[in-house]
Protein backbone atom coordinates (compact mmCIF):
# COMPACT_ATOMS: atom_id res chain seq x y z
CA MET A 1 78.29 82.92 90.46
CA HIS A 2 78.76 86.14 92.75
CA GLU A 3 76.80 87.92 94.54
CA LYS A 4 75.10 91.44 93.94
CA LYS A 5 75.28 93.64 96.53
CA SER A 6 73.23 96.79 96.02
CA TYR A 7 75.46 100.70 97.44
CA GLY A 8 72.96 103.63 97.05
CA GLU A 9 71.53 102.95 93.72
CA ASP A 10 74.65 100.63 92.57
CA GLN A 11 74.58 96.71 92.29
CA LEU A 12 78.05 95.78 92.67
CA LYS A 13 78.72 92.41 91.87
CA VAL A 14 81.27 90.83 94.97
CA ILE A 15 83.74 89.62 93.69
CA PHE A 16 85.55 88.80 97.95
CA THR A 17 83.45 88.63 100.37
CA ARG A 18 84.25 89.88 104.20
CA GLU A 19 85.27 86.56 104.94
CA GLN A 20 87.38 85.44 101.73
CA ILE A 21 89.51 88.38 103.24
CA GLU A 22 90.22 88.11 106.28
CA GLU A 23 90.84 84.20 106.22
CA LYS A 24 93.76 85.68 103.49
CA ILE A 25 94.77 88.34 105.77
CA LYS A 26 94.86 86.21 109.08
CA GLU A 27 97.38 84.25 106.72
CA LEU A 28 98.97 87.09 105.62
CA GLY A 29 99.91 88.45 108.89
CA SER A 30 100.98 84.66 110.08
CA ARG A 31 103.28 84.33 107.36
CA ILE A 32 105.07 88.08 107.80
CA SER A 33 105.42 87.60 111.93
CA LYS A 34 106.97 84.50 111.05
CA ASP A 35 109.74 85.94 108.44
CA TYR A 36 109.91 89.39 110.73
CA ALA A 37 109.79 87.40 114.08
CA GLY A 38 113.26 89.13 116.02
CA SER A 39 113.56 91.62 113.70
CA GLU A 40 112.70 95.61 113.88
CA LEU A 41 109.77 96.34 111.09
CA ILE A 42 108.26 99.33 109.78
CA MET A 43 105.04 99.07 107.88
CA ILE A 44 104.59 101.71 105.65
CA GLY A 45 100.68 102.11 104.58
CA VAL A 46 100.48 104.01 101.25
CA LEU A 47 97.23 105.89 101.52
CA ARG A 48 94.38 106.36 101.44
CA GLY A 49 93.18 102.77 99.93
CA SER A 50 95.25 100.91 101.86
CA THR A 51 94.16 101.69 105.06
CA TYR A 52 91.35 99.28 105.83
CA PHE A 53 93.47 96.20 104.70
CA LEU A 54 97.17 97.99 106.81
CA VAL A 55 95.10 98.48 109.78
CA ASP A 56 93.48 94.41 109.65
CA LEU A 57 96.83 93.45 108.85
CA THR A 58 97.79 94.70 111.32
CA ARG A 59 95.35 92.83 113.95
CA SER A 60 96.79 89.77 112.62
CA MET A 61 99.94 89.71 113.35
CA SER A 62 102.08 88.51 116.51
CA ILE A 63 105.31 90.55 116.61
CA PRO A 64 106.32 94.03 117.27
CA PHE A 65 106.31 96.84 114.12
CA ALA A 66 105.90 100.39 114.00
CA ILE A 67 103.74 102.26 110.83
CA ASP A 68 104.09 104.75 108.81
CA PHE A 69 101.89 106.71 105.91
CA ILE A 70 103.53 107.75 102.52
CA SER A 71 101.00 109.31 100.22
CA ILE A 72 101.90 109.79 96.32
CA SER A 73 99.72 111.45 93.88
CA HIS A 74 100.39 111.80 89.49
CA TYR A 75 100.11 115.33 88.11
CA SER A 76 97.97 114.15 86.64
CA GLU A 77 93.44 113.76 87.19
CA GLN A 78 93.53 110.35 85.94
CA ALA A 79 92.64 107.79 87.56
CA ASP A 80 94.78 105.24 84.76
CA SER A 81 97.26 108.01 83.83
CA ALA A 82 100.97 106.61 83.27
CA GLY A 83 101.24 110.38 84.38
CA VAL A 84 104.90 111.96 86.43
CA VAL A 85 104.13 110.20 90.09
CA ARG A 86 104.98 112.59 93.33
CA ILE A 87 104.67 112.39 96.88
CA THR A 88 102.42 114.43 98.73
CA LYS A 89 103.20 112.92 101.83
CA ASP A 90 106.15 111.89 103.13
CA LEU A 91 107.13 109.54 106.15
CA ASP A 92 107.17 110.88 109.64
CA LEU A 93 109.88 108.08 110.84
CA SER A 94 112.75 107.02 109.76
CA ILE A 95 113.69 103.40 107.55
CA THR A 96 117.40 104.25 108.36
CA GLY A 97 118.80 100.38 108.63
CA LYS A 98 115.30 99.50 109.63
CA ASN A 99 113.18 96.12 107.52
CA VAL A 100 110.64 98.43 105.34
CA LEU A 101 107.18 96.25 104.66
CA VAL A 102 104.94 98.44 101.88
CA VAL A 103 101.37 97.87 102.65
CA GLU A 104 99.26 98.62 99.16
CA ASP A 105 95.74 97.57 98.28
CA ILE A 106 96.18 96.81 94.80
CA VAL A 107 99.45 97.03 91.92
CA ASP A 108 98.57 97.44 88.73
CA THR A 109 100.31 99.21 86.26
CA GLY A 110 103.28 99.03 89.29
CA LEU A 111 104.22 102.56 87.85
CA SER A 112 103.15 104.06 91.36
CA LEU A 113 104.56 101.67 93.20
CA GLY A 114 107.97 101.28 91.22
CA TYR A 115 108.96 104.95 92.04
CA LEU A 116 108.38 104.73 95.66
CA LEU A 117 109.88 101.86 95.64
CA ARG A 118 112.85 103.76 94.22
CA ASN A 119 113.11 106.54 96.63
CA LEU A 120 112.64 104.27 100.20
CA LYS A 121 115.40 102.35 98.44
CA THR A 122 117.61 106.07 98.65
CA ARG A 123 116.80 106.37 102.52
CA ASN A 124 118.69 103.26 103.41
CA PRO A 125 116.75 100.36 104.55
CA ALA A 126 117.75 97.04 106.21
CA GLY A 127 115.34 95.40 103.39
CA LEU A 128 112.29 96.61 101.64
CA LYS A 129 110.09 94.52 100.39
CA VAL A 130 105.68 94.53 99.59
CA CYS A 131 102.42 92.94 100.53
CA THR A 132 99.32 94.19 98.77
CA LEU A 133 96.14 92.89 99.12
CA LEU A 134 95.31 92.84 95.46
CA ASN A 135 97.76 92.10 92.49
CA VAL A 136 96.55 92.56 88.68
CA GLU A 137 99.45 91.20 86.58
CA ALA A 138 97.25 91.64 83.16
CA ARG A 139 98.10 95.88 83.75
CA ARG A 140 101.67 95.41 84.81
CA ILE A 141 103.90 97.49 82.81
CA VAL A 142 106.78 98.31 86.10
CA GLU A 143 107.79 94.97 87.37
CA VAL A 144 108.06 95.32 90.61
CA PRO A 145 108.91 92.70 93.69
CA VAL A 146 105.08 91.70 95.54
CA ASP A 147 106.34 89.25 97.82
CA TYR A 148 103.64 89.17 100.09
CA LYS A 149 99.95 88.93 98.09
CA GLY A 150 96.16 88.56 98.83
CA PHE A 151 94.38 87.62 95.69
CA ASP A 152 94.92 87.52 92.06
CA ILE A 153 92.59 89.35 90.24
CA PRO A 154 92.01 90.18 86.26
CA ASN A 155 91.76 93.43 84.49
CA ILE A 156 87.98 94.20 86.09
CA PHE A 157 88.68 97.41 88.03
CA VAL A 158 87.04 96.91 92.14
CA VAL A 159 85.71 99.08 94.36
CA GLY A 160 85.23 98.62 98.46
CA TYR A 161 87.87 97.40 101.84
CA GLY A 162 89.46 100.83 100.75
CA LEU A 163 89.32 101.13 97.32
CA ASP A 164 87.48 103.63 95.88
CA TYR A 165 85.93 105.04 92.81
CA ASN A 166 85.88 108.98 92.95
CA GLU A 167 86.33 108.68 96.88
CA ARG A 168 83.00 106.41 97.09
CA TYR A 169 82.46 102.83 97.79
CA ARG A 170 85.95 102.58 100.39
CA ASN A 171 83.63 101.63 103.02
CA LEU A 172 82.66 98.39 101.72
CA GLN A 173 82.70 95.34 103.75
CA PHE A 174 84.10 93.42 100.28
CA ILE A 175 85.29 94.22 97.33
CA ALA A 176 82.84 94.48 93.89
CA GLU A 177 83.60 94.97 90.04
CA PHE A 178 81.93 98.48 89.35
CA ASP A 179 81.01 99.10 86.04
CA ARG A 180 82.63 103.12 85.93
CA SER A 181 80.84 103.22 82.10
CA ARG A 182 77.09 103.59 84.34
CA LYS A 183 78.75 106.81 86.31
CA SER A 184 78.49 110.39 85.09
CA THR A 185 80.82 111.87 88.16
């Protein structure tokens, strides 16, 4: 049974607690540290959702790395849009000849990540892998590689730990299912 938590007027059904998230991140950090030991790694956080995950993931790693950020958005304003993707904030670092780990909060349809990976490959990295906290296979339209994943989840809308609804709920220290049908904004 999932615990319910209040956030303002909202009752949220907790899917993953802070403790579960912390444990999973420690596992991922250990695996990534082992896999990239002795190599030059650039971690790319996909803004804004991955910020909390990226920070905690890097704190659990035992190897040196560089961090950069990229931001992408859809031309359509709809959150479920399958529209055209564009880069709104590009990398500051060169990734040519470097091992790159793209860090995402959630991979669902694969459309945005697929676009991003195609773009990054044109910059000739030595290696390009993906780490995501949440993976939603049920929504996958485009097959994308997910080399490191925290949790598989069903086709539900979630908030917390970087994930938002209309820029709200990112600061929750847990991940919860959110019923968008109850919201007018």
